[in-house]
Amino acid sequence: IAGSRSGNPANDLWELPLSGPAAMQWQALAPQGVPPSPRWGVVMVMDSTRDRALVIAGGAYSMDPTMDVFALDLSTTPPTWSELVTFGAPPARTLAAGVIDPEADRFVLYGGYNGVFEGAAWALPLSGTPEWSYLHPSGQTPAPRTCSAIYDNAGRQMVIPSGYNNGMLEDVVVLRFDEQAASVSVVDSLIEMDRVLLTWGVSGAASMTGSVERRTATDWW
């Protein structure tokens, strides 16, 4: 596990061996490289294909979130931290949920908090260009929330049990990955004195209508 908050935010790293002489005994690790800044509310997932763990988002405080991505290389002794450069990142957040979708070789992010509760799904490819894309799943949109998630390999789906949005939510949200969903990404932008021009790339959709909203750091405009 990486990151915690017990008083002050931390960026320490711990392991729990499941077998051997030290089985079920927590041990602090001293990794190489530059670690993430002290934070809590991170998403940490295992990228088994590359023998690494990924730490995404989180922040020192809920109103000071990040959206950076760090990789912990587990093939080295000791493990080695490195920051991954990504493009088109979604709004920074803490307390989001995420899973690896192994068939598509991508990381999928949902929910979180940054002054408002987030309720959108985003994807980050783990090979090729590391550019975030906004997902448009079919079905009823669930309430925005902070949450956790597990990956159901048999059903190829992200399962989000409950969550929080100014009170505990008592539902179970399922995001299926075997259904074609549209994805949207910004491919170009131009800022002028009185306007911003955005060029969008859309895949997986026969047609689409949409709107662009903007906001300050703490509120919608």
Protein backbone atom coordinates (compact mmCIF):
# COMPACT_ATOMS: atom_id res chain seq x y z
CA ILE A 1 0.00 0.00 0.00
CA ALA A 2 1.11 3.56 -0.67
CA GLY A 3 -0.05 6.80 0.89
CA SER A 4 -2.14 7.32 3.98
CA ARG A 5 -3.43 9.93 6.35
CA SER A 6 -3.06 9.40 10.07
CA GLY A 7 -2.66 12.96 11.24
CA ASN A 8 -0.51 14.23 8.37
CA PRO A 9 -0.54 12.85 4.80
CA ALA A 10 2.21 10.33 4.09
CA ASN A 11 3.94 8.75 1.12
CA ASP A 12 5.41 5.69 2.81
CA LEU A 13 5.21 2.24 1.24
CA TRP A 14 4.34 -1.04 2.98
CA GLU A 15 3.99 -4.69 2.00
CA LEU A 16 2.23 -7.67 3.56
CA PRO A 17 3.79 -11.03 2.55
CA LEU A 18 1.17 -13.74 2.14
CA SER A 19 3.57 -16.66 2.56
CA GLY A 20 7.03 -17.46 3.86
CA PRO A 21 8.67 -16.74 7.24
CA ALA A 22 7.28 -13.18 7.37
CA ALA A 23 3.76 -14.13 6.27
CA MET A 24 1.07 -11.71 7.45
CA GLN A 25 3.61 -9.32 8.97
CA TRP A 26 3.60 -5.76 7.66
CA GLN A 27 6.99 -4.46 6.52
CA ALA A 28 8.01 -0.95 5.51
CA LEU A 29 9.77 -0.70 2.14
CA ALA A 30 12.50 1.74 1.08
CA PRO A 31 11.97 2.12 -2.67
CA GLN A 32 14.29 3.82 -5.14
CA GLY A 33 13.34 6.83 -7.24
CA VAL A 34 11.20 9.87 -6.49
CA PRO A 35 7.93 8.84 -4.80
CA PRO A 36 4.55 10.56 -5.07
CA SER A 37 4.11 13.55 -2.78
CA PRO A 38 2.54 12.77 0.62
CA ARG A 39 -1.14 12.08 0.03
CA TRP A 40 -4.19 10.02 0.84
CA GLY A 41 -7.29 8.95 -1.06
CA VAL A 42 -5.25 7.45 -3.91
CA VAL A 43 -6.21 4.75 -6.38
CA MET A 44 -3.65 1.92 -6.37
CA VAL A 45 -3.90 -0.95 -8.85
CA MET A 46 -1.67 -3.79 -10.00
CA ASP A 47 -0.54 -3.83 -13.64
CA SER A 48 0.48 -7.50 -13.75
CA THR A 49 1.50 -7.40 -17.41
CA ARG A 50 4.34 -5.01 -16.59
CA ASP A 51 5.03 -6.17 -13.02
CA ARG A 52 4.27 -2.79 -11.55
CA ALA A 53 1.77 -1.03 -9.33
CA LEU A 54 0.14 2.24 -10.38
CA VAL A 55 -0.79 5.04 -8.00
CA ILE A 56 -3.22 7.56 -9.42
CA ALA A 57 -4.67 10.81 -8.06
CA GLY A 58 -5.15 11.51 -4.34
CA GLY A 59 -3.96 14.57 -2.48
CA ALA A 60 -2.61 15.97 0.74
CA TYR A 61 -6.14 17.20 1.48
CA SER A 62 -9.49 16.68 -0.21
CA MET A 63 -9.47 20.29 -1.47
CA ASP A 64 -5.91 19.98 -2.80
CA PRO A 65 -6.13 16.94 -5.11
CA THR A 66 -3.80 15.75 -7.85
CA MET A 67 -4.27 13.79 -11.06
CA ASP A 68 -0.73 12.54 -11.54
CA VAL A 69 0.20 8.91 -12.22
CA PHE A 70 3.12 7.08 -10.62
CA ALA A 71 4.44 3.61 -11.38
CA LEU A 72 6.18 1.36 -8.86
CA ASP A 73 8.41 -1.11 -10.70
CA LEU A 74 8.29 -4.38 -8.75
CA SER A 75 10.87 -6.14 -10.91
CA THR A 76 13.72 -4.26 -9.21
CA THR A 77 15.11 -4.75 -5.71
CA PRO A 78 14.14 -2.55 -4.01
CA PRO A 79 11.11 -1.41 -6.06
CA THR A 80 11.54 1.81 -8.05
CA TRP A 81 9.19 4.79 -8.31
CA SER A 82 8.77 6.82 -11.52
CA GLU A 83 6.20 9.36 -12.63
CA LEU A 84 4.33 8.70 -15.87
CA VAL A 85 3.56 11.60 -18.20
CA THR A 86 -0.06 11.52 -19.41
CA PHE A 87 -2.13 13.84 -21.59
CA GLY A 88 -5.67 15.20 -21.33
CA ALA A 89 -6.09 14.30 -17.67
CA PRO A 90 -9.53 14.56 -16.06
CA PRO A 91 -10.11 16.93 -13.12
CA ALA A 92 -7.92 16.15 -10.11
CA ARG A 93 -9.59 14.23 -7.28
CA THR A 94 -9.26 12.13 -4.16
CA LEU A 95 -11.17 9.01 -3.11
CA ALA A 96 -11.89 7.77 -6.63
CA ALA A 97 -12.18 4.16 -7.78
CA GLY A 98 -10.19 2.46 -10.50
CA VAL A 99 -9.47 -0.93 -12.05
CA ILE A 100 -7.31 -2.41 -14.78
CA ASP A 101 -9.27 -3.64 -17.79
CA PRO A 102 -6.80 -6.31 -18.98
CA GLU A 103 -8.50 -7.13 -22.29
CA ALA A 104 -8.28 -3.51 -23.43
CA ASP A 105 -4.95 -2.96 -21.61
CA ARG A 106 -6.19 0.21 -19.94
CA PHE A 107 -6.91 1.75 -16.55
CA VAL A 108 -10.49 2.89 -15.91
CA LEU A 109 -11.27 5.63 -13.35
CA TYR A 110 -14.63 6.50 -11.82
CA GLY A 111 -15.89 8.94 -9.19
CA GLY A 112 -13.96 10.92 -6.60
CA TYR A 113 -14.13 14.31 -4.87
CA ASN A 114 -12.50 17.70 -5.53
CA GLY A 115 -14.97 20.10 -3.97
CA VAL A 116 -17.74 18.43 -5.96
CA PHE A 117 -18.52 14.75 -6.28
CA GLU A 118 -17.40 13.34 -9.63
CA GLY A 119 -19.49 10.83 -11.56
CA ALA A 120 -17.80 10.35 -14.92
CA ALA A 121 -15.75 7.42 -16.20
CA TRP A 122 -12.35 7.91 -17.80
CA ALA A 123 -9.85 5.54 -19.41
CA LEU A 124 -6.05 5.65 -19.68
CA PRO A 125 -4.34 3.25 -22.10
CA LEU A 126 -1.37 1.39 -20.63
CA SER A 127 0.36 0.98 -24.01
CA GLY A 128 0.75 3.45 -26.83
CA THR A 129 0.05 7.15 -26.23
CA PRO A 130 -0.96 7.67 -22.56
CA GLU A 131 -3.88 9.98 -23.28
CA TRP A 132 -6.97 10.03 -21.07
CA SER A 133 -10.35 9.65 -22.78
CA TYR A 134 -13.83 10.37 -21.46
CA LEU A 135 -16.13 7.35 -21.59
CA HIS A 136 -19.84 7.45 -22.41
CA PRO A 137 -21.31 4.21 -21.05
CA SER A 138 -24.84 3.27 -21.97
CA GLY A 139 -27.53 2.80 -19.32
CA GLN A 140 -28.66 4.90 -16.39
CA THR A 141 -26.02 7.27 -15.01
CA PRO A 142 -25.42 6.62 -11.29
CA ALA A 143 -25.10 9.34 -8.67
CA PRO A 144 -21.62 10.93 -8.43
CA ARG A 145 -19.67 9.63 -5.43
CA THR A 146 -16.49 8.73 -3.66
CA CYS A 147 -16.09 4.98 -3.79
CA SER A 148 -13.95 1.91 -4.27
CA ALA A 149 -14.23 -0.80 -6.91
CA ILE A 150 -13.24 -4.34 -7.83
CA TYR A 151 -12.75 -5.92 -11.25
CA ASP A 152 -14.96 -8.90 -12.09
CA ASN A 153 -12.84 -10.91 -14.51
CA ALA A 154 -15.58 -13.40 -15.39
CA GLY A 155 -18.05 -10.68 -16.34
CA ARG A 156 -15.42 -8.22 -17.59
CA GLN A 157 -16.91 -5.42 -15.54
CA MET A 158 -16.10 -2.86 -12.85
CA VAL A 159 -18.20 -3.35 -9.72
CA ILE A 160 -18.67 -0.36 -7.39
CA PRO A 161 -20.40 -1.32 -4.15
CA SER A 162 -22.05 1.66 -2.46
CA GLY A 163 -20.19 4.96 -2.07
CA TYR A 164 -20.65 8.36 -0.44
CA ASN A 165 -22.35 11.57 -1.58
CA ASN A 166 -23.33 13.64 1.46
CA GLY A 167 -24.50 10.35 2.93
CA MET A 168 -23.92 6.66 2.31
CA LEU A 169 -25.31 5.28 -0.93
CA GLU A 170 -26.88 1.83 -0.81
CA ASP A 171 -26.64 0.81 -4.44
CA VAL A 172 -24.23 -1.32 -6.45
CA VAL A 173 -23.00 0.15 -9.74
CA VAL A 174 -21.70 -2.09 -12.53
CA LEU A 175 -19.77 -0.74 -15.51
CA ARG A 176 -19.54 -3.37 -18.24
CA PHE A 177 -16.52 -3.30 -20.54
CA ASP A 178 -17.78 -5.79 -23.14
CA GLU A 179 -20.31 -3.28 -24.45
CA GLN A 180 -19.09 -0.75 -26.97
CA ALA A 181 -18.91 2.70 -25.43
CA ALA A 182 -18.04 5.96 -27.08
CA SER A 183 -14.91 7.81 -25.98
CA VAL A 184 -14.11 11.48 -26.40
CA SER A 185 -10.76 13.25 -26.18
CA VAL A 186 -9.46 16.73 -26.93
CA VAL A 187 -7.04 16.48 -29.84
CA ASP A 188 -6.23 20.19 -30.22
CA SER A 189 -6.91 23.52 -28.52
CA LEU A 190 -6.34 27.19 -29.34
CA ILE A 191 -6.68 29.96 -26.75
CA GLU A 192 -7.47 33.46 -28.00
CA MET A 193 -8.35 36.69 -26.20
CA ASP A 194 -12.11 36.14 -26.20
CA ARG A 195 -12.55 32.45 -26.91
CA VAL A 196 -11.13 28.95 -26.67
CA LEU A 197 -11.31 26.65 -29.70
CA LEU A 198 -11.41 22.93 -28.98
CA THR A 199 -11.10 20.07 -31.46
CA TRP A 200 -12.62 16.81 -30.27
CA GLY A 201 -11.94 13.26 -31.32
CA VAL A 202 -14.81 10.79 -30.91
CA SER A 203 -14.66 7.02 -31.33
CA GLY A 204 -17.21 4.26 -30.83
CA ALA A 205 -20.27 6.39 -31.62
CA ALA A 206 -22.50 6.60 -34.70
CA SER A 207 -23.69 10.08 -33.69
CA MET A 208 -23.34 12.36 -30.70
CA THR A 209 -24.62 15.60 -29.22
CA GLY A 210 -22.92 17.31 -26.31
CA SER A 211 -22.08 20.50 -24.48
CA VAL A 212 -18.98 22.04 -22.96
CA GLU A 213 -19.11 23.42 -19.43
CA ARG A 214 -16.42 25.29 -17.56
CA ARG A 215 -15.83 25.93 -13.89
CA THR A 216 -13.56 27.56 -11.39
CA ALA A 217 -11.47 25.47 -9.00
CA THR A 218 -14.36 25.22 -6.53
CA ASP A 219 -17.60 25.90 -8.38
CA TRP A 220 -19.40 25.69 -11.71
CA TRP A 221 -19.60 28.84 -13.87
